[in-house]
C-alpha atoms as a PDB file:
ATOM      1  CA  MET A   1     232.753 -33.650 121.997  1.00  0.00           C
ATOM      2  CA  LEU A   2     235.794 -31.444 122.107  1.00  0.00           C
ATOM      3  CA  PRO A   3     238.319 -31.991 124.918  1.00  0.00           C
ATOM      4  CA  GLU A   4     238.173 -29.727 127.978  1.00  0.00           C
ATOM      5  CA  LYS A   5     241.644 -28.380 127.171  1.00  0.00           C
ATOM      6  CA  PHE A   6     240.284 -27.093 123.835  1.00  0.00           C
ATOM      7  CA  HIS A   7     237.583 -25.185 125.728  1.00  0.00           C
ATOM      8  CA  GLN A   8     240.247 -23.777 128.069  1.00  0.00           C
ATOM      9  CA  ILE A   9     242.187 -22.425 125.091  1.00  0.00           C
ATOM     10  CA  LEU A  10     239.138 -20.526 123.867  1.00  0.00           C
ATOM     11  CA  LYS A  11     239.057 -18.604 127.149  1.00  0.00           C
ATOM     12  CA  HIS A  12     242.363 -16.962 126.147  1.00  0.00           C
ATOM     13  CA  GLU A  13     243.008 -14.817 123.112  1.00  0.00           C
ATOM     14  CA  GLY A  14     245.038 -16.208 120.272  1.00  0.00           C
ATOM     15  CA  VAL A  15     245.083 -16.493 116.511  1.00  0.00           C
ATOM     16  CA  VAL A  16     243.112 -19.211 114.736  1.00  0.00           C
ATOM     17  CA  ALA A  17     244.409 -20.331 111.324  1.00  0.00           C
ATOM     18  CA  ILE A  18     241.830 -21.824 108.954  1.00  0.00           C
ATOM     19  CA  ALA A  19     243.094 -23.790 105.944  1.00  0.00           C
ATOM     20  CA  THR A  20     241.160 -24.758 102.820  1.00  0.00           C
ATOM     21  CA  GLN A  21     242.313 -26.237  99.536  1.00  0.00           C
ATOM     22  CA  GLY A  22     242.146 -23.973  96.508  1.00  0.00           C
ATOM     23  CA  SER A  23     242.835 -24.623  92.845  1.00  0.00           C
ATOM     24  CA  ASP A  24     246.296 -23.104  93.272  1.00  0.00           C
ATOM     25  CA  GLY A  25     247.104 -24.807  96.605  1.00  0.00           C
ATOM     26  CA  PRO A  26     246.336 -24.275 100.280  1.00  0.00           C
ATOM     27  CA  HIS A  27     244.627 -21.056 101.344  1.00  0.00           C
ATOM     28  CA  LEU A  28     244.790 -19.690 104.897  1.00  0.00           C
ATOM     29  CA  VAL A  29     242.700 -17.121 106.743  1.00  0.00           C
ATOM     30  CA  ASN A  30     242.807 -16.068 110.367  1.00  0.00           C
ATOM     31  CA  SER A  31     240.312 -15.428 113.119  1.00  0.00           C
ATOM     32  CA  TRP A  32     240.494 -15.106 116.919  1.00  0.00           C
ATOM     33  CA  ASN A  33     239.948 -17.638 119.699  1.00  0.00           C
ATOM     34  CA  SER A  34     237.385 -15.341 121.312  1.00  0.00           C
ATOM     35  CA  TYR A  35     235.270 -15.349 118.136  1.00  0.00           C
ATOM     36  CA  ILE A  36     234.701 -19.123 118.141  1.00  0.00           C
ATOM     37  CA  GLU A  37     231.482 -20.483 119.574  1.00  0.00           C
ATOM     38  CA  VAL A  38     231.196 -24.205 120.277  1.00  0.00           C
ATOM     39  CA  ALA A  39     227.854 -25.870 119.535  1.00  0.00           C
ATOM     40  CA  GLY A  40     228.255 -29.594 120.254  1.00  0.00           C
ATOM     41  CA  ASP A  41     230.621 -30.969 117.604  1.00  0.00           C
ATOM     42  CA  LYS A  42     230.474 -27.738 115.589  1.00  0.00           C
ATOM     43  CA  LEU A  43     232.556 -24.590 115.678  1.00  0.00           C
ATOM     44  CA  LEU A  44     230.840 -21.365 114.637  1.00  0.00           C
ATOM     45  CA  ILE A  45     233.163 -18.648 113.350  1.00  0.00           C
ATOM     46  CA  PRO A  46     232.014 -15.217 112.171  1.00  0.00           C
ATOM     47  CA  ALA A  47     232.979 -14.394 108.582  1.00  0.00           C
ATOM     48  CA  GLY A  48     233.386 -10.811 107.462  1.00  0.00           C
ATOM     49  CA  TYR A  49     235.164 -11.557 104.221  1.00  0.00           C
ATOM     50  CA  MET A  50     236.537 -15.095 103.750  1.00  0.00           C
ATOM     51  CA  ASN A  51     235.368 -14.985 100.118  1.00  0.00           C
ATOM     52  CA  GLU A  52     238.149 -17.233  98.807  1.00  0.00           C
ATOM     53  CA  THR A  53     237.570 -19.583 101.734  1.00  0.00           C
ATOM     54  CA  GLU A  54     233.883 -19.804 100.794  1.00  0.00           C
ATOM     55  CA  ASP A  55     234.736 -20.470  97.140  1.00  0.00           C
ATOM     56  CA  ASN A  56     237.147 -23.242  98.169  1.00  0.00           C
ATOM     57  CA  ILE A  57     234.615 -24.867 100.509  1.00  0.00           C
ATOM     58  CA  ALA A  58     232.021 -24.903  97.720  1.00  0.00           C
ATOM     59  CA  LYS A  59     234.420 -27.163  95.785  1.00  0.00           C
ATOM     60  CA  ASN A  60     235.943 -29.117  98.694  1.00  0.00           C
ATOM     61  CA  ASN A  61     234.385 -28.807 102.150  1.00  0.00           C
ATOM     62  CA  LYS A  62     237.349 -30.298 104.042  1.00  0.00           C
ATOM     63  CA  VAL A  63     239.043 -27.801 106.376  1.00  0.00           C
ATOM     64  CA  GLN A  64     241.789 -27.788 108.954  1.00  0.00           C
ATOM     65  CA  LEU A  65     242.332 -25.209 111.626  1.00  0.00           C
ATOM     66  CA  THR A  66     244.736 -24.595 114.441  1.00  0.00           C
ATOM     67  CA  VAL A  67     243.930 -22.950 117.731  1.00  0.00           C
ATOM     68  CA  GLY A  68     246.252 -22.396 120.668  1.00  0.00           C
ATOM     69  CA  SER A  69     247.224 -20.378 123.705  1.00  0.00           C
ATOM     70  CA  LYS A  70     250.433 -19.934 125.643  1.00  0.00           C
ATOM     71  CA  GLU A  71     248.264 -19.479 128.763  1.00  0.00           C
ATOM     72  CA  VAL A  72     247.096 -23.123 128.913  1.00  0.00           C
ATOM     73  CA  GLU A  73     249.353 -25.924 130.122  1.00  0.00           C
ATOM     74  CA  GLY A  74     250.498 -28.248 127.371  1.00  0.00           C
ATOM     75  CA  PHE A  75     252.356 -31.550 127.216  1.00  0.00           C
ATOM     76  CA  ASN A  76     255.720 -30.027 128.191  1.00  0.00           C
ATOM     77  CA  GLY A  77     254.903 -26.812 129.992  1.00  0.00           C
ATOM     78  CA  PRO A  78     253.096 -23.557 129.272  1.00  0.00           C
ATOM     79  CA  GLY A  79     251.337 -23.350 125.954  1.00  0.00           C
ATOM     80  CA  THR A  80     249.218 -25.780 124.005  1.00  0.00           C
ATOM     81  CA  GLY A  81     247.353 -26.040 120.738  1.00  0.00           C
ATOM     82  CA  PHE A  82     245.085 -28.221 118.671  1.00  0.00           C
ATOM     83  CA  LEU A  83     244.859 -29.265 115.055  1.00  0.00           C
ATOM     84  CA  VAL A  84     241.198 -29.592 114.120  1.00  0.00           C
ATOM     85  CA  LYS A  85     240.019 -31.416 110.997  1.00  0.00           C
ATOM     86  CA  GLY A  86     236.474 -31.342 109.732  1.00  0.00           C
ATOM     87  CA  THR A  87     234.000 -30.271 107.115  1.00  0.00           C
ATOM     88  CA  ALA A  88     232.656 -26.774 106.661  1.00  0.00           C
ATOM     89  CA  LYS A  89     229.852 -24.731 105.195  1.00  0.00           C
ATOM     90  CA  PHE A  90     228.793 -21.107 105.257  1.00  0.00           C
ATOM     91  CA  ILE A  91     225.524 -20.170 106.949  1.00  0.00           C
ATOM     92  CA  LYS A  92     223.786 -16.955 105.883  1.00  0.00           C
ATOM     93  CA  SER A  93     220.417 -17.275 107.610  1.00  0.00           C
ATOM     94  CA  GLY A  94     218.702 -19.003 110.501  1.00  0.00           C
ATOM     95  CA  ALA A  95     218.994 -18.970 114.279  1.00  0.00           C
ATOM     96  CA  GLU A  96     222.759 -19.592 114.479  1.00  0.00           C
ATOM     97  CA  TYR A  97     223.436 -16.842 111.958  1.00  0.00           C
ATOM     98  CA  GLU A  98     221.132 -14.378 113.759  1.00  0.00           C
ATOM     99  CA  ALA A  99     222.742 -15.118 117.152  1.00  0.00           C
ATOM    100  CA  MET A 100     226.235 -14.553 115.736  1.00  0.00           C
ATOM    101  CA  LYS A 101     225.072 -11.391 113.905  1.00  0.00           C
ATOM    102  CA  LYS A 102     223.961  -9.920 117.249  1.00  0.00           C
ATOM    103  CA  ARG A 103     227.421 -10.523 118.686  1.00  0.00           C
ATOM    104  CA  PHE A 104     229.306  -9.527 115.524  1.00  0.00           C
ATOM    105  CA  PRO A 105     227.225  -6.993 113.537  1.00  0.00           C
ATOM    106  CA  TRP A 106     229.880  -6.845 110.795  1.00  0.00           C
ATOM    107  CA  ILE A 107     229.506 -10.470 109.632  1.00  0.00           C
ATOM    108  CA  ARG A 108     228.158 -11.515 106.244  1.00  0.00           C
ATOM    109  CA  ALA A 109     228.032 -15.228 107.144  1.00  0.00           C
ATOM    110  CA  VAL A 110     229.015 -17.822 109.724  1.00  0.00           C
ATOM    111  CA  LEU A 111     231.607 -20.472 108.962  1.00  0.00           C
ATOM    112  CA  GLU A 112     230.306 -23.689 110.504  1.00  0.00           C
ATOM    113  CA  VAL A 113     232.930 -26.397 110.996  1.00  0.00           C
ATOM    114  CA  THR A 114     231.745 -29.879 111.910  1.00  0.00           C
ATOM    115  CA  VAL A 115     234.669 -31.393 113.810  1.00  0.00           C
ATOM    116  CA  ASP A 116     235.831 -34.844 112.746  1.00  0.00           C
ATOM    117  CA  ASN A 117     238.797 -34.835 115.134  1.00  0.00           C
ATOM    118  CA  ALA A 118     240.727 -32.447 117.339  1.00  0.00           C
ATOM    119  CA  ASN A 119     244.249 -33.487 118.301  1.00  0.00           C
ATOM    120  CA  GLN A 120     246.386 -31.703 120.850  1.00  0.00           C
ATOM    121  CA  THR A 121     249.711 -30.803 119.228  1.00  0.00           C
ATOM    122  CA  LEU A 122     251.689 -29.128 122.019  1.00  0.00           C
END
């Protein structure tokens, strides 16, 4: 399970950076804290484009992402963040996809990240 502080961060808006490994090096895309849905040890993130991210995951499903907020108390004062490591896949059908499609009609898929670990960094 993800720490409570991680859940607190998601209640505040902020940028999420999602990193995959491509043939020419790391590739980053962004999303928003408010877009992430937590389902047990999985993060569900709507994908409008993320085409290069999907290509990279087809070859290497390891991902890292960062999420943070200056509104949540960290180790040394205001602001905290997490580095999340896990494996990912794209979902294009099924109940989770349909639920996300209702919330985000513009999506073409859902990026599902199974969390291996989530470490607080700030």
